[in-house]
Amino acid sequence: MSLFPRIAEQKMLDALEDGAFDNLPGAGRPIADLNTSDGLDPVTRAGYRIMSEAGALPEELQLRNLLRDARADLARATDPEERARLGARVADLGLRHAMAQEARLRGR
């Protein structure tokens, strides 16, 4: 993948993480009905449907949420030992999130 799409995607993910899209019309509602034929192969569509019905999130989104929460915890922490522990957690989650993003971009 060329550099521009990667930069654009990272900017969008950063904006999403910062809540820039939270107040848009339709926020929190599905963009499309995952049960329709929208160009996805049947296996992928079935997987998305099962995940949606179970309330599951893809690994990348789970890690993004954990990273956001860990950063907030770090920002509130005052104890040096706790800050060091939380800093290590933020670094670990950041790396795992970046790896999940890269895997998705490469198509696993």
C-alpha atoms as a PDB file:
ATOM      1  CA  MET A   1       0.000   0.000   0.000  1.00  0.00           C
ATOM      2  CA  SER A   2       1.344   3.415  -0.870  1.00  0.00           C
ATOM      3  CA  LEU A   3       2.096   6.028   1.742  1.00  0.00           C
ATOM      4  CA  PHE A   4      -0.882   8.367   1.154  1.00  0.00           C
ATOM      5  CA  PRO A   5      -3.631   5.792   1.903  1.00  0.00           C
ATOM      6  CA  ARG A   6      -1.784   4.723   5.059  1.00  0.00           C
ATOM      7  CA  ILE A   7      -1.489   8.316   6.270  1.00  0.00           C
ATOM      8  CA  ALA A   8      -5.132   9.013   5.431  1.00  0.00           C
ATOM      9  CA  GLU A   9      -6.314   5.910   7.262  1.00  0.00           C
ATOM     10  CA  GLN A  10      -4.178   6.711  10.307  1.00  0.00           C
ATOM     11  CA  LYS A  11      -5.578  10.259  10.411  1.00  0.00           C
ATOM     12  CA  MET A  12      -9.133   8.860  10.264  1.00  0.00           C
ATOM     13  CA  LEU A  13      -8.396   6.313  13.011  1.00  0.00           C
ATOM     14  CA  ASP A  14      -6.864   9.046  15.187  1.00  0.00           C
ATOM     15  CA  ALA A  15      -9.924  11.260  14.644  1.00  0.00           C
ATOM     16  CA  LEU A  16     -12.200   8.333  15.472  1.00  0.00           C
ATOM     17  CA  GLU A  17     -10.238   7.638  18.642  1.00  0.00           C
ATOM     18  CA  ASP A  18     -10.421  11.319  19.640  1.00  0.00           C
ATOM     19  CA  GLY A  19     -14.224  11.284  19.196  1.00  0.00           C
ATOM     20  CA  ALA A  20     -14.318  13.588  16.178  1.00  0.00           C
ATOM     21  CA  PHE A  21     -17.087  11.506  14.599  1.00  0.00           C
ATOM     22  CA  ASP A  22     -19.217  11.005  17.734  1.00  0.00           C
ATOM     23  CA  ASN A  23     -21.727  13.774  17.008  1.00  0.00           C
ATOM     24  CA  LEU A  24     -22.318  13.053  13.328  1.00  0.00           C
ATOM     25  CA  PRO A  25     -25.844  12.240  12.163  1.00  0.00           C
ATOM     26  CA  GLY A  26     -26.340   8.495  12.377  1.00  0.00           C
ATOM     27  CA  ALA A  27     -23.535   7.965  14.910  1.00  0.00           C
ATOM     28  CA  GLY A  28     -23.855   4.600  16.589  1.00  0.00           C
ATOM     29  CA  ARG A  29     -26.109   3.176  13.890  1.00  0.00           C
ATOM     30  CA  PRO A  30     -24.931   0.640  11.325  1.00  0.00           C
ATOM     31  CA  ILE A  31     -23.800   2.082   8.009  1.00  0.00           C
ATOM     32  CA  ALA A  32     -25.351  -0.812   6.155  1.00  0.00           C
ATOM     33  CA  ASP A  33     -27.334  -3.935   6.800  1.00  0.00           C
ATOM     34  CA  LEU A  34     -24.683  -6.641   7.039  1.00  0.00           C
ATOM     35  CA  ASN A  35     -27.260  -9.242   6.035  1.00  0.00           C
ATOM     36  CA  THR A  36     -27.538  -7.862   2.513  1.00  0.00           C
ATOM     37  CA  SER A  37     -25.460  -8.712  -0.533  1.00  0.00           C
ATOM     38  CA  ASP A  38     -23.120  -5.745  -0.619  1.00  0.00           C
ATOM     39  CA  GLY A  39     -20.224  -7.241  -2.515  1.00  0.00           C
ATOM     40  CA  LEU A  40     -18.846  -9.304   0.365  1.00  0.00           C
ATOM     41  CA  ASP A  41     -18.183 -12.950  -0.166  1.00  0.00           C
ATOM     42  CA  PRO A  42     -20.729 -15.180   1.633  1.00  0.00           C
ATOM     43  CA  VAL A  43     -18.242 -16.441   4.242  1.00  0.00           C
ATOM     44  CA  THR A  44     -17.150 -12.926   5.245  1.00  0.00           C
ATOM     45  CA  ARG A  45     -20.754 -11.729   5.284  1.00  0.00           C
ATOM     46  CA  ALA A  46     -21.747 -14.664   7.533  1.00  0.00           C
ATOM     47  CA  GLY A  47     -18.834 -13.931   9.862  1.00  0.00           C
ATOM     48  CA  TYR A  48     -19.805 -10.264  10.144  1.00  0.00           C
ATOM     49  CA  ARG A  49     -23.437 -11.211  10.771  1.00  0.00           C
ATOM     50  CA  ILE A  50     -22.490 -13.647  13.546  1.00  0.00           C
ATOM     51  CA  MET A  51     -20.161 -11.097  15.160  1.00  0.00           C
ATOM     52  CA  SER A  52     -22.830  -8.396  14.916  1.00  0.00           C
ATOM     53  CA  GLU A  53     -25.511 -10.592  16.457  1.00  0.00           C
ATOM     54  CA  ALA A  54     -23.154 -11.577  19.288  1.00  0.00           C
ATOM     55  CA  GLY A  55     -22.139  -7.975  19.944  1.00  0.00           C
ATOM     56  CA  ALA A  56     -18.506  -8.880  19.262  1.00  0.00           C
ATOM     57  CA  LEU A  57     -15.896  -6.456  18.007  1.00  0.00           C
ATOM     58  CA  PRO A  58     -12.974  -7.254  15.729  1.00  0.00           C
ATOM     59  CA  GLU A  59      -9.629  -7.482  17.539  1.00  0.00           C
ATOM     60  CA  GLU A  60      -8.435  -4.154  16.135  1.00  0.00           C
ATOM     61  CA  LEU A  61     -11.428  -2.315  17.597  1.00  0.00           C
ATOM     62  CA  GLN A  62     -11.152  -4.101  20.936  1.00  0.00           C
ATOM     63  CA  LEU A  63      -7.498  -3.067  21.143  1.00  0.00           C
ATOM     64  CA  ARG A  64      -8.346   0.505  20.125  1.00  0.00           C
ATOM     65  CA  ASN A  65     -10.869   0.723  22.980  1.00  0.00           C
ATOM     66  CA  LEU A  66      -8.435  -0.783  25.486  1.00  0.00           C
ATOM     67  CA  LEU A  67      -5.718   1.626  24.326  1.00  0.00           C
ATOM     68  CA  ARG A  68      -8.048   4.624  24.675  1.00  0.00           C
ATOM     69  CA  ASP A  69      -8.959   3.563  28.227  1.00  0.00           C
ATOM     70  CA  ALA A  70      -5.320   2.901  29.168  1.00  0.00           C
ATOM     71  CA  ARG A  71      -4.299   6.351  27.900  1.00  0.00           C
ATOM     72  CA  ALA A  72      -7.063   7.928  29.984  1.00  0.00           C
ATOM     73  CA  ASP A  73      -5.910   5.973  33.058  1.00  0.00           C
ATOM     74  CA  LEU A  74      -2.327   7.109  32.446  1.00  0.00           C
ATOM     75  CA  ALA A  75      -3.418  10.740  32.150  1.00  0.00           C
ATOM     76  CA  ARG A  76      -5.189  10.522  35.529  1.00  0.00           C
ATOM     77  CA  ALA A  77      -2.442   8.619  37.361  1.00  0.00           C
ATOM     78  CA  THR A  78      -0.212  10.512  39.777  1.00  0.00           C
ATOM     79  CA  ASP A  79       1.786   7.754  41.478  1.00  0.00           C
ATOM     80  CA  PRO A  80       5.138   7.249  39.671  1.00  0.00           C
ATOM     81  CA  GLU A  81       4.993   3.447  39.949  1.00  0.00           C
ATOM     82  CA  GLU A  82       1.430   3.371  38.638  1.00  0.00           C
ATOM     83  CA  ARG A  83       2.379   5.738  35.787  1.00  0.00           C
ATOM     84  CA  ALA A  84       5.276   3.453  34.838  1.00  0.00           C
ATOM     85  CA  ARG A  85       2.989   0.396  34.850  1.00  0.00           C
ATOM     86  CA  LEU A  86       0.316   2.202  32.837  1.00  0.00           C
ATOM     87  CA  GLY A  87       2.911   3.596  30.432  1.00  0.00           C
ATOM     88  CA  ALA A  88       4.099   0.058  29.721  1.00  0.00           C
ATOM     89  CA  ARG A  89       0.482  -1.029  29.179  1.00  0.00           C
ATOM     90  CA  VAL A  90      -0.122   1.851  26.754  1.00  0.00           C
ATOM     91  CA  ALA A  91       3.050   0.928  24.842  1.00  0.00           C
ATOM     92  CA  ASP A  92       2.035  -2.747  24.701  1.00  0.00           C
ATOM     93  CA  LEU A  93      -1.515  -2.002  23.575  1.00  0.00           C
ATOM     94  CA  GLY A  94      -0.263   0.551  21.051  1.00  0.00           C
ATOM     95  CA  LEU A  95       2.036  -2.018  19.486  1.00  0.00           C
ATOM     96  CA  ARG A  96      -0.658  -4.701  19.429  1.00  0.00           C
ATOM     97  CA  HIS A  97      -3.144  -2.232  17.908  1.00  0.00           C
ATOM     98  CA  ALA A  98      -0.650  -1.214  15.212  1.00  0.00           C
ATOM     99  CA  MET A  99       0.007  -4.876  14.429  1.00  0.00           C
ATOM    100  CA  ALA A 100      -3.732  -5.582  14.139  1.00  0.00           C
ATOM    101  CA  GLN A 101      -4.124  -2.589  11.812  1.00  0.00           C
ATOM    102  CA  GLU A 102      -1.236  -3.763   9.654  1.00  0.00           C
ATOM    103  CA  ALA A 103      -2.665  -7.286   9.496  1.00  0.00           C
ATOM    104  CA  ARG A 104      -6.022  -5.899   8.370  1.00  0.00           C
ATOM    105  CA  LEU A 105      -4.402  -3.682   5.752  1.00  0.00           C
ATOM    106  CA  ARG A 106      -2.493  -6.655   4.372  1.00  0.00           C
ATOM    107  CA  GLY A 107      -5.637  -8.732   4.350  1.00  0.00           C
ATOM    108  CA  ARG A 108      -4.245 -11.040   7.012  1.00  0.00           C
END
